[in-house]
Amino acid sequence: MLIPSIDLMGGKIVQLVQGTRKALEFDNFQEWVERFADYPLVQLIDLDAAMGRGNVPPAMFEGVVRWVESGRPILVSSRAQRGRVGASYAYPGGGRQLLDAGAIFAFGRRPGQARIDAMLALGAGYDHAQLRALFGEA
């Protein structure tokens, strides 16, 4: 199973080369939500969180809500070496709002680890509640 990821930085969707130089940058979140609509899971990777700057841009939050309401899980992880996602911020797109909207936090798992766990669980038929239990609660 392929689980695509969306990297977020500075309120935009980006692709970085070697983690530093932007190769691509987009601000049309709706286009990307639609682009991945056929996948059972999409992983959001908050590059700003790796530098202690936030969670998901507020403009992306409505797409997260629609995705979860459609019955598909969203897994949130961080690439920060010693960081972990959490429900600290309450602004639209902040961790608390994401968790309340039904996003699943990978907590201490790095994105690659979370992706493998999610692929195996979805392949085994896990539903949203079972995925949430697998990754733990806040």
N, C-alpha and C. Protein backbone atom coordinates (compact mmCIF):
# COMPACT_ATOMS: atom_id res chain seq x y z
N MET A 1 0.84 -1.17 0.00
CA MET A 1 0.00 0.00 0.00
C MET A 1 0.89 1.24 0.00
N LEU A 2 0.53 2.19 -0.81
CA LEU A 2 1.25 3.46 -0.88
C LEU A 2 0.52 4.50 -0.03
N ILE A 3 1.25 5.16 0.87
CA ILE A 3 0.68 6.24 1.67
C ILE A 3 1.41 7.52 1.29
N PRO A 4 0.74 8.40 0.55
CA PRO A 4 1.40 9.66 0.18
C PRO A 4 1.53 10.59 1.39
N SER A 5 2.48 11.49 1.31
CA SER A 5 2.63 12.48 2.38
C SER A 5 2.61 13.88 1.77
N ILE A 6 2.15 14.81 2.58
CA ILE A 6 2.13 16.22 2.21
C ILE A 6 3.01 16.95 3.21
N ASP A 7 4.07 17.58 2.72
CA ASP A 7 4.96 18.36 3.58
C ASP A 7 4.45 19.79 3.65
N LEU A 8 4.34 20.32 4.86
CA LEU A 8 3.84 21.67 5.08
C LEU A 8 4.93 22.53 5.69
N MET A 9 5.08 23.74 5.15
CA MET A 9 6.06 24.68 5.69
C MET A 9 5.62 26.10 5.37
N GLY A 10 5.60 26.94 6.38
CA GLY A 10 5.27 28.35 6.17
C GLY A 10 3.89 28.56 5.57
N GLY A 11 2.94 27.70 5.92
CA GLY A 11 1.59 27.86 5.41
C GLY A 11 1.40 27.37 3.98
N LYS A 12 2.39 26.64 3.44
CA LYS A 12 2.31 26.15 2.07
C LYS A 12 2.71 24.68 2.00
N ILE A 13 2.30 24.03 0.93
CA ILE A 13 2.73 22.67 0.64
C ILE A 13 4.05 22.78 -0.11
N VAL A 14 5.06 22.04 0.35
CA VAL A 14 6.39 22.15 -0.24
C VAL A 14 7.00 20.78 -0.49
N GLN A 15 8.02 20.80 -1.33
CA GLN A 15 8.92 19.66 -1.47
C GLN A 15 10.32 20.24 -1.32
N LEU A 16 11.08 19.66 -0.39
CA LEU A 16 12.44 20.14 -0.14
C LEU A 16 13.46 19.17 -0.71
N VAL A 17 14.57 19.71 -1.16
CA VAL A 17 15.70 18.90 -1.61
C VAL A 17 16.69 18.85 -0.45
N GLN A 18 17.02 17.65 0.00
CA GLN A 18 17.92 17.42 1.12
C GLN A 18 17.51 18.21 2.36
N GLY A 19 16.21 18.39 2.52
CA GLY A 19 15.67 19.02 3.72
C GLY A 19 15.87 20.51 3.86
N THR A 20 16.39 21.18 2.82
CA THR A 20 16.66 22.61 2.97
C THR A 20 16.13 23.46 1.81
N ARG A 21 16.45 23.11 0.60
CA ARG A 21 16.08 23.94 -0.55
C ARG A 21 14.73 23.54 -1.10
N LYS A 22 13.84 24.54 -1.26
CA LYS A 22 12.52 24.27 -1.82
C LYS A 22 12.63 23.98 -3.30
N ALA A 23 12.12 22.79 -3.69
CA ALA A 23 12.06 22.44 -5.10
C ALA A 23 10.68 22.80 -5.66
N LEU A 24 9.66 22.65 -4.83
CA LEU A 24 8.28 22.96 -5.22
C LEU A 24 7.58 23.66 -4.08
N GLU A 25 6.61 24.53 -4.41
CA GLU A 25 5.83 25.23 -3.39
C GLU A 25 4.44 25.50 -3.95
N PHE A 26 3.41 25.15 -3.17
CA PHE A 26 2.03 25.33 -3.60
C PHE A 26 1.22 25.93 -2.45
N ASP A 27 0.24 26.74 -2.78
CA ASP A 27 -0.65 27.27 -1.74
C ASP A 27 -2.11 26.89 -1.98
N ASN A 28 -2.37 26.08 -3.00
CA ASN A 28 -3.74 25.63 -3.28
C ASN A 28 -3.98 24.30 -2.58
N PHE A 29 -4.42 24.37 -1.31
CA PHE A 29 -4.62 23.17 -0.51
C PHE A 29 -5.74 22.29 -1.06
N GLN A 30 -6.80 22.90 -1.56
CA GLN A 30 -7.93 22.14 -2.08
C GLN A 30 -7.49 21.21 -3.22
N GLU A 31 -6.63 21.72 -4.08
CA GLU A 31 -6.12 20.90 -5.19
C GLU A 31 -5.43 19.64 -4.68
N TRP A 32 -4.65 19.78 -3.60
CA TRP A 32 -3.92 18.64 -3.06
C TRP A 32 -4.85 17.69 -2.32
N VAL A 33 -5.86 18.20 -1.63
CA VAL A 33 -6.85 17.34 -1.00
C VAL A 33 -7.53 16.49 -2.07
N GLU A 34 -7.91 17.12 -3.17
CA GLU A 34 -8.56 16.40 -4.26
C GLU A 34 -7.60 15.42 -4.94
N ARG A 35 -6.35 15.80 -5.08
CA ARG A 35 -5.35 14.95 -5.73
C ARG A 35 -5.19 13.62 -5.00
N PHE A 36 -5.30 13.65 -3.67
CA PHE A 36 -5.11 12.45 -2.87
C PHE A 36 -6.43 11.83 -2.41
N ALA A 37 -7.53 12.24 -2.98
CA ALA A 37 -8.85 11.78 -2.54
C ALA A 37 -9.05 10.28 -2.65
N ASP A 38 -8.36 9.61 -3.54
CA ASP A 38 -8.54 8.17 -3.72
C ASP A 38 -7.68 7.32 -2.79
N TYR A 39 -6.78 7.95 -2.04
CA TYR A 39 -5.93 7.19 -1.12
C TYR A 39 -6.65 7.00 0.21
N PRO A 40 -6.50 5.84 0.85
CA PRO A 40 -7.18 5.61 2.14
C PRO A 40 -6.55 6.36 3.30
N LEU A 41 -5.30 6.81 3.14
CA LEU A 41 -4.59 7.52 4.21
C LEU A 41 -3.60 8.49 3.57
N VAL A 42 -3.50 9.68 4.13
CA VAL A 42 -2.49 10.65 3.72
C VAL A 42 -1.79 11.12 4.98
N GLN A 43 -0.48 11.20 4.92
CA GLN A 43 0.30 11.64 6.07
C GLN A 43 0.68 13.11 5.90
N LEU A 44 0.34 13.94 6.89
CA LEU A 44 0.75 15.34 6.89
C LEU A 44 2.03 15.45 7.70
N ILE A 45 3.03 16.07 7.11
CA ILE A 45 4.31 16.23 7.80
C ILE A 45 4.56 17.72 7.98
N ASP A 46 4.57 18.14 9.23
CA ASP A 46 4.72 19.56 9.56
C ASP A 46 6.20 19.90 9.70
N LEU A 47 6.76 20.46 8.66
CA LEU A 47 8.17 20.82 8.69
C LEU A 47 8.44 21.99 9.63
N ASP A 48 7.44 22.86 9.82
CA ASP A 48 7.61 23.98 10.76
C ASP A 48 7.75 23.47 12.18
N ALA A 49 7.05 22.39 12.51
CA ALA A 49 7.12 21.84 13.87
C ALA A 49 8.54 21.36 14.18
N ALA A 50 9.24 20.93 13.14
CA ALA A 50 10.62 20.50 13.35
C ALA A 50 11.48 21.64 13.86
N MET A 51 11.04 22.87 13.60
CA MET A 51 11.77 24.05 14.07
C MET A 51 10.99 24.77 15.16
N GLY A 52 9.98 24.11 15.71
CA GLY A 52 9.21 24.67 16.80
C GLY A 52 8.27 25.79 16.41
N ARG A 53 7.73 25.78 15.16
CA ARG A 53 6.92 26.90 14.70
C ARG A 53 5.43 26.61 14.54
N GLY A 54 4.95 25.42 14.81
CA GLY A 54 3.52 25.24 14.67
C GLY A 54 3.10 23.86 14.24
N ASN A 55 1.86 23.74 13.76
CA ASN A 55 1.31 22.46 13.34
C ASN A 55 0.92 22.49 11.87
N VAL A 56 -0.35 22.68 11.57
CA VAL A 56 -0.83 22.71 10.19
C VAL A 56 -1.35 24.11 9.90
N PRO A 57 -1.07 24.66 8.73
CA PRO A 57 -1.57 25.99 8.42
C PRO A 57 -3.10 26.04 8.53
N PRO A 58 -3.66 27.11 9.09
CA PRO A 58 -5.12 27.20 9.23
C PRO A 58 -5.86 26.93 7.92
N ALA A 59 -5.28 27.33 6.79
CA ALA A 59 -5.96 27.11 5.50
C ALA A 59 -6.09 25.62 5.19
N MET A 60 -5.26 24.79 5.77
CA MET A 60 -5.30 23.34 5.52
C MET A 60 -6.30 22.64 6.44
N PHE A 61 -6.67 23.28 7.53
CA PHE A 61 -7.50 22.64 8.55
C PHE A 61 -8.85 22.17 8.01
N GLU A 62 -9.51 22.97 7.21
CA GLU A 62 -10.82 22.56 6.67
C GLU A 62 -10.69 21.31 5.81
N GLY A 63 -9.61 21.19 5.06
CA GLY A 63 -9.38 19.99 4.27
C GLY A 63 -9.18 18.77 5.14
N VAL A 64 -8.49 18.94 6.27
CA VAL A 64 -8.30 17.85 7.22
C VAL A 64 -9.66 17.39 7.74
N VAL A 65 -10.50 18.34 8.13
CA VAL A 65 -11.83 18.00 8.65
C VAL A 65 -12.64 17.24 7.60
N ARG A 66 -12.66 17.74 6.36
CA ARG A 66 -13.41 17.05 5.29
C ARG A 66 -12.87 15.64 5.06
N TRP A 67 -11.57 15.50 5.09
CA TRP A 67 -10.95 14.20 4.85
C TRP A 67 -11.39 13.20 5.92
N VAL A 68 -11.30 13.60 7.18
CA VAL A 68 -11.68 12.71 8.28
C VAL A 68 -13.18 12.41 8.23
N GLU A 69 -13.99 13.43 7.96
CA GLU A 69 -15.44 13.22 7.87
C GLU A 69 -15.81 12.26 6.74
N SER A 70 -14.97 12.15 5.73
CA SER A 70 -15.24 11.23 4.63
C SER A 70 -14.89 9.79 4.99
N GLY A 71 -14.38 9.59 6.21
CA GLY A 71 -14.07 8.24 6.67
C GLY A 71 -12.63 7.80 6.45
N ARG A 72 -11.78 8.72 6.01
CA ARG A 72 -10.39 8.38 5.78
C ARG A 72 -9.51 8.98 6.88
N PRO A 73 -8.56 8.22 7.38
CA PRO A 73 -7.73 8.74 8.47
C PRO A 73 -6.66 9.70 7.98
N ILE A 74 -6.30 10.61 8.86
CA ILE A 74 -5.15 11.51 8.65
C ILE A 74 -4.19 11.21 9.79
N LEU A 75 -2.95 10.95 9.44
CA LEU A 75 -1.92 10.65 10.41
C LEU A 75 -0.97 11.84 10.46
N VAL A 76 -0.74 12.39 11.65
CA VAL A 76 0.12 13.56 11.81
C VAL A 76 1.39 13.14 12.53
N SER A 77 2.55 13.45 11.92
CA SER A 77 3.83 13.10 12.52
C SER A 77 4.79 14.28 12.36
N SER A 78 5.95 14.16 12.98
CA SER A 78 6.94 15.23 12.92
C SER A 78 8.30 14.64 12.55
N ARG A 79 9.07 15.40 11.79
CA ARG A 79 10.43 14.98 11.46
C ARG A 79 11.46 15.51 12.46
N ALA A 80 11.00 16.20 13.49
CA ALA A 80 11.93 16.74 14.49
C ALA A 80 12.67 15.58 15.15
N GLN A 81 13.99 15.71 15.31
CA GLN A 81 14.81 14.63 15.86
C GLN A 81 14.29 14.15 17.21
N ARG A 82 14.01 15.08 18.09
CA ARG A 82 13.55 14.68 19.42
C ARG A 82 12.14 15.19 19.69
N GLY A 83 11.51 15.72 18.66
CA GLY A 83 10.18 16.26 18.83
C GLY A 83 9.11 15.20 18.64
N ARG A 84 7.94 15.52 19.08
CA ARG A 84 6.79 14.66 18.86
C ARG A 84 5.58 15.55 18.71
N VAL A 85 4.62 15.10 17.94
CA VAL A 85 3.42 15.90 17.76
C VAL A 85 2.64 15.91 19.07
N GLY A 86 1.82 16.94 19.24
CA GLY A 86 1.04 17.04 20.45
C GLY A 86 -0.12 18.00 20.28
N ALA A 87 -0.97 18.02 21.27
CA ALA A 87 -2.20 18.80 21.21
C ALA A 87 -2.07 20.10 21.98
N SER A 88 -0.96 20.80 21.83
CA SER A 88 -0.71 22.02 22.61
C SER A 88 -1.46 23.24 22.10
N TYR A 89 -1.47 23.45 20.79
CA TYR A 89 -2.01 24.69 20.24
C TYR A 89 -3.47 24.53 19.85
N ALA A 90 -4.29 25.55 20.14
CA ALA A 90 -5.73 25.45 19.91
C ALA A 90 -6.22 26.28 18.73
N TYR A 91 -5.34 26.94 17.98
CA TYR A 91 -5.79 27.69 16.82
C TYR A 91 -6.23 26.71 15.73
N PRO A 92 -7.05 27.14 14.75
CA PRO A 92 -7.44 26.22 13.67
C PRO A 92 -6.19 25.72 12.94
N GLY A 93 -5.95 24.44 13.00
CA GLY A 93 -4.76 23.85 12.44
C GLY A 93 -3.76 23.47 13.51
N GLY A 94 -3.96 23.95 14.73
CA GLY A 94 -3.10 23.57 15.85
C GLY A 94 -3.41 22.15 16.30
N GLY A 95 -2.50 21.57 17.05
CA GLY A 95 -2.63 20.18 17.47
C GLY A 95 -3.93 19.83 18.15
N ARG A 96 -4.41 20.68 19.05
CA ARG A 96 -5.66 20.39 19.76
C ARG A 96 -6.82 20.30 18.77
N GLN A 97 -6.88 21.25 17.82
CA GLN A 97 -7.96 21.25 16.83
C GLN A 97 -7.86 20.03 15.91
N LEU A 98 -6.65 19.67 15.51
CA LEU A 98 -6.47 18.49 14.66
C LEU A 98 -6.94 17.22 15.36
N LEU A 99 -6.54 17.07 16.61
CA LEU A 99 -6.94 15.90 17.38
C LEU A 99 -8.45 15.86 17.56
N ASP A 100 -9.04 17.00 17.90
CA ASP A 100 -10.49 17.06 18.08
C ASP A 100 -11.25 16.78 16.78
N ALA A 101 -10.63 17.10 15.64
CA ALA A 101 -11.26 16.87 14.34
C ALA A 101 -11.16 15.40 13.91
N GLY A 102 -10.36 14.62 14.64
CA GLY A 102 -10.26 13.20 14.33
C GLY A 102 -8.94 12.76 13.72
N ALA A 103 -7.97 13.69 13.59
CA ALA A 103 -6.66 13.29 13.10
C ALA A 103 -6.01 12.36 14.12
N ILE A 104 -5.16 11.49 13.65
CA ILE A 104 -4.46 10.54 14.50
C ILE A 104 -3.01 10.99 14.62
N PHE A 105 -2.53 11.15 15.83
CA PHE A 105 -1.16 11.59 16.05
C PHE A 105 -0.24 10.38 16.14
N ALA A 106 0.92 10.48 15.50
CA ALA A 106 1.92 9.42 15.55
C ALA A 106 2.73 9.51 16.84
N PHE A 107 2.57 10.58 17.58
CA PHE A 107 3.29 10.85 18.83
C PHE A 107 4.78 10.61 18.63
N GLY A 108 5.43 9.68 19.30
CA GLY A 108 6.88 9.52 19.24
C GLY A 108 7.41 8.84 17.99
N ARG A 109 6.56 8.35 17.12
CA ARG A 109 7.05 7.68 15.91
C ARG A 109 7.50 8.70 14.87
N ARG A 110 8.61 8.41 14.23
CA ARG A 110 9.07 9.23 13.13
C ARG A 110 8.18 8.94 11.92
N PRO A 111 8.11 9.84 10.93
CA PRO A 111 7.19 9.63 9.80
C PRO A 111 7.32 8.28 9.11
N GLY A 112 8.53 7.82 8.88
CA GLY A 112 8.70 6.52 8.22
C GLY A 112 8.15 5.37 9.05
N GLN A 113 8.40 5.42 10.36
CA GLN A 113 7.88 4.38 11.25
C GLN A 113 6.35 4.42 11.27
N ALA A 114 5.80 5.62 11.36
CA ALA A 114 4.34 5.77 11.40
C ALA A 114 3.71 5.27 10.11
N ARG A 115 4.34 5.57 9.00
CA ARG A 115 3.81 5.15 7.70
C ARG A 115 3.78 3.63 7.59
N ILE A 116 4.84 2.96 8.02
CA ILE A 116 4.88 1.49 7.97
C ILE A 116 3.82 0.90 8.89
N ASP A 117 3.72 1.41 10.11
CA ASP A 117 2.69 0.92 11.03
C ASP A 117 1.30 1.10 10.45
N ALA A 118 1.05 2.26 9.84
CA ALA A 118 -0.27 2.53 9.27
C ALA A 118 -0.55 1.61 8.07
N MET A 119 0.44 1.39 7.22
CA MET A 119 0.25 0.51 6.07
C MET A 119 -0.11 -0.90 6.52
N LEU A 120 0.63 -1.42 7.51
CA LEU A 120 0.35 -2.76 8.01
C LEU A 120 -1.05 -2.84 8.64
N ALA A 121 -1.39 -1.82 9.42
CA ALA A 121 -2.69 -1.83 10.09
C ALA A 121 -3.83 -1.73 9.09
N LEU A 122 -3.71 -0.83 8.12
CA LEU A 122 -4.77 -0.70 7.11
C LEU A 122 -4.87 -1.97 6.27
N GLY A 123 -3.74 -2.58 5.96
CA GLY A 123 -3.75 -3.84 5.22
C GLY A 123 -4.41 -4.96 5.99
N ALA A 124 -4.33 -4.87 7.32
CA ALA A 124 -4.97 -5.87 8.19
C ALA A 124 -6.44 -5.54 8.45
N GLY A 125 -6.93 -4.42 7.87
CA GLY A 125 -8.35 -4.08 8.01
C GLY A 125 -8.71 -3.20 9.20
N TYR A 126 -7.73 -2.56 9.81
CA TYR A 126 -8.03 -1.68 10.94
C TYR A 126 -8.95 -0.55 10.51
N ASP A 127 -9.89 -0.20 11.39
CA ASP A 127 -10.73 0.97 11.15
C ASP A 127 -10.12 2.17 11.89
N HIS A 128 -10.80 3.32 11.81
CA HIS A 128 -10.27 4.55 12.41
C HIS A 128 -10.02 4.40 13.91
N ALA A 129 -10.96 3.80 14.63
CA ALA A 129 -10.80 3.63 16.07
C ALA A 129 -9.62 2.72 16.40
N GLN A 130 -9.43 1.68 15.63
CA GLN A 130 -8.31 0.77 15.87
C GLN A 130 -6.98 1.44 15.55
N LEU A 131 -6.96 2.27 14.51
CA LEU A 131 -5.74 3.03 14.19
C LEU A 131 -5.40 3.98 15.32
N ARG A 132 -6.41 4.67 15.82
CA ARG A 132 -6.18 5.61 16.92
C ARG A 132 -5.63 4.88 18.13
N ALA A 133 -6.17 3.71 18.44
CA ALA A 133 -5.69 2.91 19.57
C ALA A 133 -4.25 2.45 19.34
N LEU A 134 -3.93 2.08 18.09
CA LEU A 134 -2.57 1.63 17.78
C LEU A 134 -1.55 2.73 18.05
N PHE A 135 -1.89 3.95 17.67
CA PHE A 135 -0.95 5.07 17.84
C PHE A 135 -1.04 5.70 19.22
N GLY A 136 -2.05 5.39 20.01
CA GLY A 136 -2.18 5.90 21.36
C GLY A 136 -2.96 7.19 21.42
N GLU A 137 -3.34 7.58 22.60
CA GLU A 137 -4.11 8.82 22.83
C GLU A 137 -3.19 9.90 23.38
N ALA A 138 -3.67 11.15 23.30
CA ALA A 138 -2.90 12.29 23.81
C ALA A 138 -2.74 12.21 25.31
